[in-house]
Amino acid sequence: MLTREKRPLLQACPAGPYSTYRLFEWCMATMMILIAFTLVLPGDTMERAALKPIAEMGFSEENMALFFGAIGGVRTMALYLNGHINNIVVGPKGAYIRAICATGGCFVMGQFTAALIFDAFRGPEAASFVIPVFGTLAGFEALSVYIAVLDGVSRRTRMGHALDRLEKVVG
């Protein structure tokens, strides 16, 4: 009788075995880095009609590029390390760094959403089509915060139990 190997529904992500279910976080980290590059390009990106209310709130291209670049870069590194490095070496710190970066992303996307909603009620023009995009990103970033914190707690407790068992065997 031939036995077939069962294959997982999702193949392991090239970013590491723990990254398969963190694809939205990878998407946001990549998007943040690409937004930073876009803002650094010559020209005034923040003067576009959809982003004008955000520029009026006091956000400049330079500080936005710095924010998006830093958060995207740190988040990418945390995701990569969580995906490739052993739990004992990295521990829950990577998950908490991911949670902090997702909090920053949630905050800025929420700010963008609020600015565009406020602008829609202030003027006679039609609401920006970007409102649901930024709102959805803010909502899923909030979910990413929750998932990353749960991941950190899970890693801490699994690590604690594993270390206790190791100490009993060694000691």
N, C-alpha and C. Protein backbone atom coordinates (compact mmCIF):
# COMPACT_ATOMS: atom_id res chain seq x y z
N MET A 1 0.84 -1.17 0.00
CA MET A 1 0.00 0.00 0.00
C MET A 1 0.89 1.24 0.00
N LEU A 2 0.61 2.12 -0.91
CA LEU A 2 1.39 3.34 -1.01
C LEU A 2 0.89 4.38 -0.02
N THR A 3 1.82 4.98 0.67
CA THR A 3 1.44 6.07 1.58
C THR A 3 1.92 7.38 0.98
N ARG A 4 1.07 8.34 1.03
CA ARG A 4 1.43 9.66 0.49
C ARG A 4 1.80 10.57 1.65
N GLU A 5 2.84 11.30 1.42
CA GLU A 5 3.21 12.30 2.43
C GLU A 5 2.20 13.42 2.39
N LYS A 6 1.83 13.85 3.57
CA LYS A 6 0.93 14.99 3.63
C LYS A 6 1.77 16.25 3.56
N ARG A 7 1.34 17.13 2.67
CA ARG A 7 2.03 18.40 2.56
C ARG A 7 1.20 19.47 3.25
N PRO A 8 1.84 20.43 3.85
CA PRO A 8 1.07 21.51 4.49
C PRO A 8 0.35 22.34 3.44
N LEU A 9 -0.75 22.94 3.85
CA LEU A 9 -1.50 23.79 2.93
C LEU A 9 -0.66 24.97 2.46
N LEU A 10 0.08 25.55 3.37
CA LEU A 10 0.96 26.66 3.03
C LEU A 10 2.41 26.22 3.12
N GLN A 11 3.15 26.49 2.10
CA GLN A 11 4.58 26.17 2.14
C GLN A 11 5.28 27.16 3.07
N ALA A 12 6.40 26.75 3.59
CA ALA A 12 7.16 27.64 4.46
C ALA A 12 7.55 28.90 3.70
N CYS A 13 7.40 30.01 4.36
CA CYS A 13 7.72 31.30 3.75
C CYS A 13 9.23 31.42 3.58
N PRO A 14 9.70 32.00 2.48
CA PRO A 14 11.15 32.14 2.31
C PRO A 14 11.78 33.04 3.37
N ALA A 15 10.96 33.84 4.08
CA ALA A 15 11.49 34.69 5.14
C ALA A 15 11.65 33.93 6.44
N GLY A 16 11.35 32.67 6.46
CA GLY A 16 11.54 31.86 7.65
C GLY A 16 10.27 31.13 8.03
N PRO A 17 10.41 30.05 8.79
CA PRO A 17 9.26 29.20 9.11
C PRO A 17 8.18 29.90 9.94
N TYR A 18 8.54 30.93 10.71
CA TYR A 18 7.56 31.61 11.55
C TYR A 18 6.89 32.76 10.81
N SER A 19 7.24 33.02 9.57
CA SER A 19 6.72 34.17 8.85
C SER A 19 5.50 33.88 8.00
N THR A 20 5.12 32.63 7.85
CA THR A 20 4.01 32.28 6.97
C THR A 20 2.74 33.00 7.35
N TYR A 21 2.45 33.12 8.62
CA TYR A 21 1.21 33.74 9.07
C TYR A 21 1.39 35.22 9.43
N ARG A 22 2.49 35.80 9.04
CA ARG A 22 2.75 37.22 9.29
C ARG A 22 2.89 38.01 7.99
N LEU A 23 2.22 37.57 6.97
CA LEU A 23 2.37 38.21 5.67
C LEU A 23 1.85 39.63 5.65
N PHE A 24 0.80 39.94 6.42
CA PHE A 24 0.34 41.33 6.47
C PHE A 24 1.40 42.21 7.09
N GLU A 25 2.09 41.72 8.12
CA GLU A 25 3.16 42.50 8.73
C GLU A 25 4.30 42.74 7.73
N TRP A 26 4.62 41.71 6.94
CA TRP A 26 5.63 41.88 5.90
C TRP A 26 5.17 42.91 4.87
N CYS A 27 3.90 42.85 4.51
CA CYS A 27 3.33 43.80 3.55
C CYS A 27 3.46 45.22 4.08
N MET A 28 3.09 45.44 5.34
CA MET A 28 3.16 46.79 5.92
C MET A 28 4.61 47.27 6.04
N ALA A 29 5.51 46.40 6.43
CA ALA A 29 6.92 46.79 6.54
C ALA A 29 7.47 47.19 5.18
N THR A 30 7.16 46.40 4.16
CA THR A 30 7.61 46.72 2.80
C THR A 30 6.99 48.03 2.33
N MET A 31 5.69 48.19 2.59
CA MET A 31 5.00 49.41 2.17
C MET A 31 5.61 50.64 2.86
N MET A 32 5.95 50.52 4.12
CA MET A 32 6.54 51.66 4.84
C MET A 32 7.88 52.06 4.24
N ILE A 33 8.68 51.07 3.90
CA ILE A 33 9.98 51.37 3.29
C ILE A 33 9.79 52.02 1.92
N LEU A 34 8.84 51.51 1.14
CA LEU A 34 8.58 52.09 -0.18
C LEU A 34 7.98 53.50 -0.08
N ILE A 35 7.15 53.74 0.93
CA ILE A 35 6.62 55.10 1.14
C ILE A 35 7.76 56.04 1.47
N ALA A 36 8.70 55.59 2.30
CA ALA A 36 9.85 56.44 2.65
C ALA A 36 10.65 56.80 1.40
N PHE A 37 10.89 55.81 0.53
CA PHE A 37 11.61 56.08 -0.72
C PHE A 37 10.83 57.06 -1.60
N THR A 38 9.52 56.90 -1.67
CA THR A 38 8.69 57.79 -2.47
C THR A 38 8.76 59.22 -1.96
N LEU A 39 8.74 59.38 -0.64
CA LEU A 39 8.78 60.72 -0.06
C LEU A 39 10.15 61.39 -0.24
N VAL A 40 11.19 60.59 -0.39
CA VAL A 40 12.53 61.15 -0.56
C VAL A 40 12.77 61.61 -2.00
N LEU A 41 11.99 61.08 -2.94
CA LEU A 41 12.16 61.47 -4.34
C LEU A 41 11.92 62.97 -4.52
N PRO A 42 12.54 63.56 -5.55
CA PRO A 42 12.33 65.00 -5.79
C PRO A 42 10.86 65.31 -6.08
N GLY A 43 10.45 66.48 -5.69
CA GLY A 43 9.07 66.90 -5.89
C GLY A 43 8.34 66.93 -4.56
N ASP A 44 7.16 67.50 -4.57
CA ASP A 44 6.38 67.65 -3.34
C ASP A 44 5.22 66.67 -3.34
N THR A 45 5.47 65.47 -2.82
CA THR A 45 4.47 64.42 -2.80
C THR A 45 3.30 64.79 -1.90
N MET A 46 3.56 65.48 -0.80
CA MET A 46 2.51 65.81 0.16
C MET A 46 1.54 66.86 -0.36
N GLU A 47 1.83 67.47 -1.49
CA GLU A 47 0.93 68.47 -2.06
C GLU A 47 -0.15 67.87 -2.94
N ARG A 48 -0.14 66.56 -3.13
CA ARG A 48 -1.19 65.90 -3.91
C ARG A 48 -2.52 66.11 -3.20
N ALA A 49 -3.60 66.09 -3.96
CA ALA A 49 -4.93 66.39 -3.41
C ALA A 49 -5.30 65.47 -2.24
N ALA A 50 -5.01 64.18 -2.35
CA ALA A 50 -5.39 63.24 -1.29
C ALA A 50 -4.55 63.43 -0.03
N LEU A 51 -3.34 63.93 -0.17
CA LEU A 51 -2.44 64.09 0.98
C LEU A 51 -2.37 65.51 1.51
N LYS A 52 -3.00 66.45 0.85
CA LYS A 52 -2.94 67.84 1.27
C LYS A 52 -3.43 68.04 2.72
N PRO A 53 -4.53 67.41 3.15
CA PRO A 53 -4.96 67.57 4.54
C PRO A 53 -3.93 67.06 5.54
N ILE A 54 -3.20 66.04 5.16
CA ILE A 54 -2.17 65.49 6.05
C ILE A 54 -1.01 66.47 6.15
N ALA A 55 -0.65 67.10 5.04
CA ALA A 55 0.42 68.11 5.06
C ALA A 55 -0.01 69.31 5.89
N GLU A 56 -1.29 69.66 5.84
CA GLU A 56 -1.79 70.79 6.62
C GLU A 56 -1.76 70.52 8.12
N MET A 57 -1.73 69.25 8.51
CA MET A 57 -1.63 68.90 9.94
C MET A 57 -0.22 69.15 10.47
N GLY A 58 0.72 69.42 9.60
CA GLY A 58 2.09 69.70 10.03
C GLY A 58 3.08 68.61 9.70
N PHE A 59 2.65 67.58 9.00
CA PHE A 59 3.58 66.53 8.60
C PHE A 59 4.38 67.02 7.40
N SER A 60 5.69 66.91 7.48
CA SER A 60 6.52 67.27 6.34
C SER A 60 7.01 65.98 5.67
N GLU A 61 7.49 66.12 4.45
CA GLU A 61 7.98 64.93 3.74
C GLU A 61 9.18 64.32 4.46
N GLU A 62 10.03 65.17 5.00
CA GLU A 62 11.24 64.68 5.66
C GLU A 62 10.91 63.86 6.90
N ASN A 63 10.03 64.42 7.78
CA ASN A 63 9.75 63.65 8.99
C ASN A 63 8.91 62.41 8.71
N MET A 64 8.07 62.47 7.67
CA MET A 64 7.31 61.28 7.30
C MET A 64 8.23 60.20 6.72
N ALA A 65 9.18 60.61 5.88
CA ALA A 65 10.12 59.64 5.30
C ALA A 65 10.96 59.01 6.40
N LEU A 66 11.40 59.81 7.37
CA LEU A 66 12.19 59.27 8.48
C LEU A 66 11.36 58.29 9.30
N PHE A 67 10.13 58.65 9.60
CA PHE A 67 9.26 57.77 10.38
C PHE A 67 9.02 56.45 9.66
N PHE A 68 8.56 56.54 8.41
CA PHE A 68 8.25 55.32 7.66
C PHE A 68 9.49 54.47 7.43
N GLY A 69 10.62 55.10 7.11
CA GLY A 69 11.85 54.35 6.88
C GLY A 69 12.34 53.63 8.13
N ALA A 70 12.32 54.34 9.27
CA ALA A 70 12.80 53.74 10.51
C ALA A 70 11.89 52.60 10.97
N ILE A 71 10.59 52.86 11.00
CA ILE A 71 9.65 51.82 11.44
C ILE A 71 9.68 50.63 10.49
N GLY A 72 9.69 50.89 9.19
CA GLY A 72 9.72 49.80 8.21
C GLY A 72 11.00 48.98 8.31
N GLY A 73 12.13 49.64 8.48
CA GLY A 73 13.40 48.93 8.58
C GLY A 73 13.51 48.09 9.84
N VAL A 74 13.13 48.67 10.98
CA VAL A 74 13.19 47.92 12.24
C VAL A 74 12.21 46.75 12.21
N ARG A 75 11.05 47.00 11.67
CA ARG A 75 10.05 45.94 11.60
C ARG A 75 10.49 44.80 10.69
N THR A 76 11.10 45.13 9.57
CA THR A 76 11.61 44.11 8.66
C THR A 76 12.66 43.25 9.36
N MET A 77 13.57 43.90 10.09
CA MET A 77 14.61 43.15 10.80
C MET A 77 14.00 42.26 11.88
N ALA A 78 13.01 42.78 12.61
CA ALA A 78 12.37 41.96 13.65
C ALA A 78 11.65 40.76 13.04
N LEU A 79 10.95 40.98 11.93
CA LEU A 79 10.26 39.87 11.26
C LEU A 79 11.25 38.84 10.75
N TYR A 80 12.34 39.30 10.17
CA TYR A 80 13.37 38.39 9.65
C TYR A 80 13.97 37.56 10.78
N LEU A 81 14.34 38.24 11.87
CA LEU A 81 14.95 37.52 13.00
C LEU A 81 13.97 36.56 13.64
N ASN A 82 12.71 36.96 13.78
CA ASN A 82 11.70 36.05 14.33
C ASN A 82 11.51 34.83 13.43
N GLY A 83 11.71 35.01 12.15
CA GLY A 83 11.50 33.91 11.22
C GLY A 83 12.67 32.94 11.12
N HIS A 84 13.87 33.40 11.43
CA HIS A 84 15.06 32.58 11.19
C HIS A 84 15.83 32.16 12.43
N ILE A 85 15.73 32.92 13.48
CA ILE A 85 16.55 32.64 14.65
C ILE A 85 15.75 31.85 15.67
N ASN A 86 16.44 30.96 16.36
CA ASN A 86 15.83 30.11 17.37
C ASN A 86 15.17 30.95 18.46
N ASN A 87 14.08 30.43 19.00
CA ASN A 87 13.35 31.09 20.08
C ASN A 87 14.23 31.43 21.27
N ILE A 88 15.11 30.54 21.65
CA ILE A 88 15.93 30.74 22.83
C ILE A 88 16.87 31.93 22.62
N VAL A 89 17.37 32.12 21.42
CA VAL A 89 18.29 33.21 21.13
C VAL A 89 17.55 34.54 21.07
N VAL A 90 16.48 34.59 20.31
CA VAL A 90 15.75 35.84 20.13
C VAL A 90 14.78 36.10 21.27
N GLY A 91 14.11 35.07 21.71
CA GLY A 91 13.14 35.23 22.77
C GLY A 91 11.96 36.07 22.33
N PRO A 92 11.23 36.61 23.30
CA PRO A 92 10.04 37.40 22.97
C PRO A 92 10.34 38.84 22.54
N LYS A 93 11.62 39.24 22.58
CA LYS A 93 11.94 40.64 22.25
C LYS A 93 11.54 41.01 20.83
N GLY A 94 11.75 40.13 19.87
CA GLY A 94 11.40 40.41 18.49
C GLY A 94 9.91 40.63 18.32
N ALA A 95 9.11 39.84 19.02
CA ALA A 95 7.66 40.00 18.94
C ALA A 95 7.23 41.34 19.53
N TYR A 96 7.86 41.75 20.60
CA TYR A 96 7.51 43.04 21.21
C TYR A 96 7.97 44.21 20.34
N ILE A 97 9.09 44.05 19.65
CA ILE A 97 9.53 45.09 18.70
C ILE A 97 8.52 45.18 17.55
N ARG A 98 8.05 44.03 17.08
CA ARG A 98 7.02 44.03 16.04
C ARG A 98 5.75 44.73 16.54
N ALA A 99 5.39 44.51 17.79
CA ALA A 99 4.19 45.14 18.35
C ALA A 99 4.36 46.66 18.43
N ILE A 100 5.53 47.11 18.82
CA ILE A 100 5.79 48.56 18.90
C ILE A 100 5.74 49.18 17.51
N CYS A 101 6.33 48.53 16.53
CA CYS A 101 6.31 49.05 15.16
C CYS A 101 4.88 49.05 14.60
N ALA A 102 4.11 48.01 14.89
CA ALA A 102 2.72 47.98 14.43
C ALA A 102 1.90 49.07 15.11
N THR A 103 2.22 49.38 16.37
CA THR A 103 1.54 50.48 17.06
C THR A 103 1.82 51.80 16.37
N GLY A 104 3.08 52.02 15.99
CA GLY A 104 3.42 53.23 15.23
C GLY A 104 2.70 53.30 13.91
N GLY A 105 2.63 52.17 13.20
CA GLY A 105 1.91 52.12 11.93
C GLY A 105 0.42 52.38 12.11
N CYS A 106 -0.16 51.80 13.15
CA CYS A 106 -1.58 52.00 13.45
C CYS A 106 -1.85 53.46 13.76
N PHE A 107 -0.96 54.07 14.53
CA PHE A 107 -1.14 55.47 14.91
C PHE A 107 -1.10 56.39 13.69
N VAL A 108 -0.10 56.22 12.84
CA VAL A 108 0.04 57.13 11.70
C VAL A 108 -1.06 56.88 10.67
N MET A 109 -1.45 55.63 10.45
CA MET A 109 -2.54 55.37 9.51
C MET A 109 -3.87 55.90 10.07
N GLY A 110 -4.04 55.80 11.37
CA GLY A 110 -5.22 56.38 12.01
C GLY A 110 -5.24 57.90 11.89
N GLN A 111 -4.06 58.53 12.03
CA GLN A 111 -3.95 59.98 11.85
C GLN A 111 -4.32 60.37 10.42
N PHE A 112 -3.82 59.62 9.46
CA PHE A 112 -4.15 59.90 8.06
C PHE A 112 -5.66 59.78 7.84
N THR A 113 -6.25 58.72 8.37
CA THR A 113 -7.69 58.51 8.20
C THR A 113 -8.47 59.66 8.82
N ALA A 114 -8.11 60.04 10.05
CA ALA A 114 -8.82 61.12 10.73
C ALA A 114 -8.69 62.44 9.97
N ALA A 115 -7.48 62.72 9.47
CA ALA A 115 -7.28 63.98 8.73
C ALA A 115 -8.13 64.02 7.47
N LEU A 116 -8.21 62.91 6.77
CA LEU A 116 -8.99 62.88 5.54
C LEU A 116 -10.50 62.91 5.81
N ILE A 117 -10.94 62.28 6.90
CA ILE A 117 -12.36 62.34 7.27
C ILE A 117 -12.72 63.77 7.66
N PHE A 118 -11.87 64.40 8.47
CA PHE A 118 -12.11 65.79 8.88
C PHE A 118 -12.17 66.70 7.66
N ASP A 119 -11.27 66.48 6.72
CA ASP A 119 -11.25 67.29 5.50
C ASP A 119 -12.51 67.06 4.67
N ALA A 120 -13.04 65.84 4.66
CA ALA A 120 -14.25 65.54 3.90
C ALA A 120 -15.45 66.30 4.46
N PHE A 121 -15.53 66.45 5.77
CA PHE A 121 -16.65 67.18 6.38
C PHE A 121 -16.46 68.69 6.32
N ARG A 122 -15.22 69.14 6.17
CA ARG A 122 -14.91 70.57 6.18
C ARG A 122 -15.23 71.25 4.86
N GLY A 123 -15.04 70.58 3.78
CA GLY A 123 -15.17 71.23 2.48
C GLY A 123 -16.29 70.67 1.64
N PRO A 124 -16.60 71.36 0.57
CA PRO A 124 -17.67 70.90 -0.32
C PRO A 124 -17.23 69.79 -1.28
N GLU A 125 -15.94 69.48 -1.30
CA GLU A 125 -15.43 68.47 -2.22
C GLU A 125 -15.81 67.07 -1.75
N ALA A 126 -15.72 66.13 -2.63
CA ALA A 126 -16.02 64.73 -2.30
C ALA A 126 -14.95 64.18 -1.37
N ALA A 127 -15.34 63.20 -0.61
CA ALA A 127 -14.39 62.54 0.30
C ALA A 127 -13.32 61.81 -0.51
N SER A 128 -12.14 61.71 0.07
CA SER A 128 -11.03 61.04 -0.61
C SER A 128 -11.27 59.53 -0.64
N PHE A 129 -10.93 58.91 -1.74
CA PHE A 129 -11.07 57.45 -1.85
C PHE A 129 -10.03 56.73 -1.00
N VAL A 130 -9.06 57.45 -0.47
CA VAL A 130 -7.99 56.84 0.31
C VAL A 130 -8.43 56.60 1.77
N ILE A 131 -9.55 57.20 2.18
CA ILE A 131 -10.03 57.03 3.56
C ILE A 131 -10.20 55.55 3.92
N PRO A 132 -10.92 54.76 3.11
CA PRO A 132 -11.06 53.35 3.50
C PRO A 132 -9.74 52.58 3.45
N VAL A 133 -8.84 52.99 2.59
CA VAL A 133 -7.54 52.31 2.52
C VAL A 133 -6.76 52.53 3.81
N PHE A 134 -6.61 53.80 4.20
CA PHE A 134 -5.88 54.10 5.44
C PHE A 134 -6.61 53.54 6.66
N GLY A 135 -7.95 53.60 6.65
CA GLY A 135 -8.72 53.06 7.77
C GLY A 135 -8.54 51.56 7.92
N THR A 136 -8.56 50.86 6.80
CA THR A 136 -8.36 49.41 6.84
C THR A 136 -6.95 49.07 7.31
N LEU A 137 -5.97 49.81 6.82
CA LEU A 137 -4.59 49.56 7.26
C LEU A 137 -4.45 49.81 8.76
N ALA A 138 -5.09 50.88 9.27
CA ALA A 138 -5.02 51.17 10.71
C ALA A 138 -5.66 50.04 11.51
N GLY A 139 -6.80 49.54 11.04
CA GLY A 139 -7.48 48.45 11.74
C GLY A 139 -6.66 47.17 11.78
N PHE A 140 -6.08 46.82 10.65
CA PHE A 140 -5.28 45.60 10.62
C PHE A 140 -3.94 45.77 11.34
N GLU A 141 -3.44 46.99 11.40
CA GLU A 141 -2.25 47.24 12.21
C GLU A 141 -2.57 47.03 13.69
N ALA A 142 -3.75 47.46 14.12
CA ALA A 142 -4.17 47.21 15.50
C ALA A 142 -4.25 45.71 15.77
N LEU A 143 -4.75 44.96 14.81
CA LEU A 143 -4.79 43.51 14.94
C LEU A 143 -3.37 42.92 14.99
N SER A 144 -2.45 43.51 14.22
CA SER A 144 -1.06 43.05 14.24
C SER A 144 -0.41 43.30 15.59
N VAL A 145 -0.77 44.40 16.24
CA VAL A 145 -0.26 44.67 17.60
C VAL A 145 -0.69 43.54 18.52
N TYR A 146 -1.96 43.22 18.48
CA TYR A 146 -2.51 42.16 19.33
C TYR A 146 -1.83 40.82 19.07
N ILE A 147 -1.67 40.46 17.80
CA ILE A 147 -1.06 39.19 17.45
C ILE A 147 0.41 39.14 17.88
N ALA A 148 1.14 40.25 17.69
CA ALA A 148 2.55 40.27 18.08
C ALA A 148 2.71 40.15 19.60
N VAL A 149 1.84 40.82 20.36
CA VAL A 149 1.92 40.70 21.82
C VAL A 149 1.61 39.28 22.25
N LEU A 150 0.60 38.67 21.66
CA LEU A 150 0.30 37.26 21.97
C LEU A 150 1.48 36.37 21.62
N ASP A 151 2.14 36.65 20.51
CA ASP A 151 3.31 35.88 20.10
C ASP A 151 4.42 36.03 21.14
N GLY A 152 4.64 37.26 21.61
CA GLY A 152 5.67 37.49 22.62
C GLY A 152 5.37 36.76 23.92
N VAL A 153 4.12 36.80 24.35
CA VAL A 153 3.73 36.10 25.58
C VAL A 153 3.90 34.60 25.39
N SER A 154 3.50 34.08 24.23
CA SER A 154 3.65 32.66 23.95
C SER A 154 5.11 32.24 23.95
N ARG A 155 5.95 33.06 23.34
CA ARG A 155 7.39 32.73 23.30
C ARG A 155 7.98 32.75 24.70
N ARG A 156 7.56 33.73 25.50
CA ARG A 156 8.10 33.85 26.85
C ARG A 156 7.70 32.63 27.68
N THR A 157 6.45 32.22 27.60
CA THR A 157 6.02 31.09 28.41
C THR A 157 6.61 29.78 27.90
N ARG A 158 6.68 29.57 26.59
CA ARG A 158 7.30 28.35 26.06
C ARG A 158 8.77 28.30 26.44
N MET A 159 9.44 29.45 26.34
CA MET A 159 10.85 29.50 26.69
C MET A 159 11.05 29.22 28.17
N GLY A 160 10.19 29.81 28.99
CA GLY A 160 10.30 29.59 30.43
C GLY A 160 10.14 28.13 30.80
N HIS A 161 9.14 27.48 30.19
CA HIS A 161 8.93 26.06 30.45
C HIS A 161 10.09 25.22 29.94
N ALA A 162 10.61 25.54 28.77
CA ALA A 162 11.74 24.79 28.21
C ALA A 162 12.98 24.96 29.07
N LEU A 163 13.24 26.17 29.55
CA LEU A 163 14.40 26.38 30.42
C LEU A 163 14.26 25.64 31.74
N ASP A 164 13.06 25.62 32.29
CA ASP A 164 12.84 24.86 33.53
C ASP A 164 13.14 23.38 33.33
N ARG A 165 12.66 22.82 32.22
CA ARG A 165 12.93 21.40 31.94
C ARG A 165 14.41 21.15 31.72
N LEU A 166 15.09 22.09 31.04
CA LEU A 166 16.52 21.96 30.80
C LEU A 166 17.29 22.00 32.12
N GLU A 167 16.91 22.90 33.02
CA GLU A 167 17.59 22.99 34.31
C GLU A 167 17.41 21.71 35.12
N LYS A 168 16.23 21.08 35.03
CA LYS A 168 15.98 19.83 35.75
C LYS A 168 16.86 18.71 35.19
N VAL A 169 17.05 18.70 33.85
CA VAL A 169 17.86 17.65 33.24
C VAL A 169 19.34 17.87 33.58
N VAL A 170 19.79 19.11 33.49
CA VAL A 170 21.20 19.43 33.73
C VAL A 170 21.53 19.36 35.20
N GLY A 171 20.61 19.88 36.00
CA GLY A 171 20.96 20.13 37.33
C GLY A 171 20.79 19.41 38.49
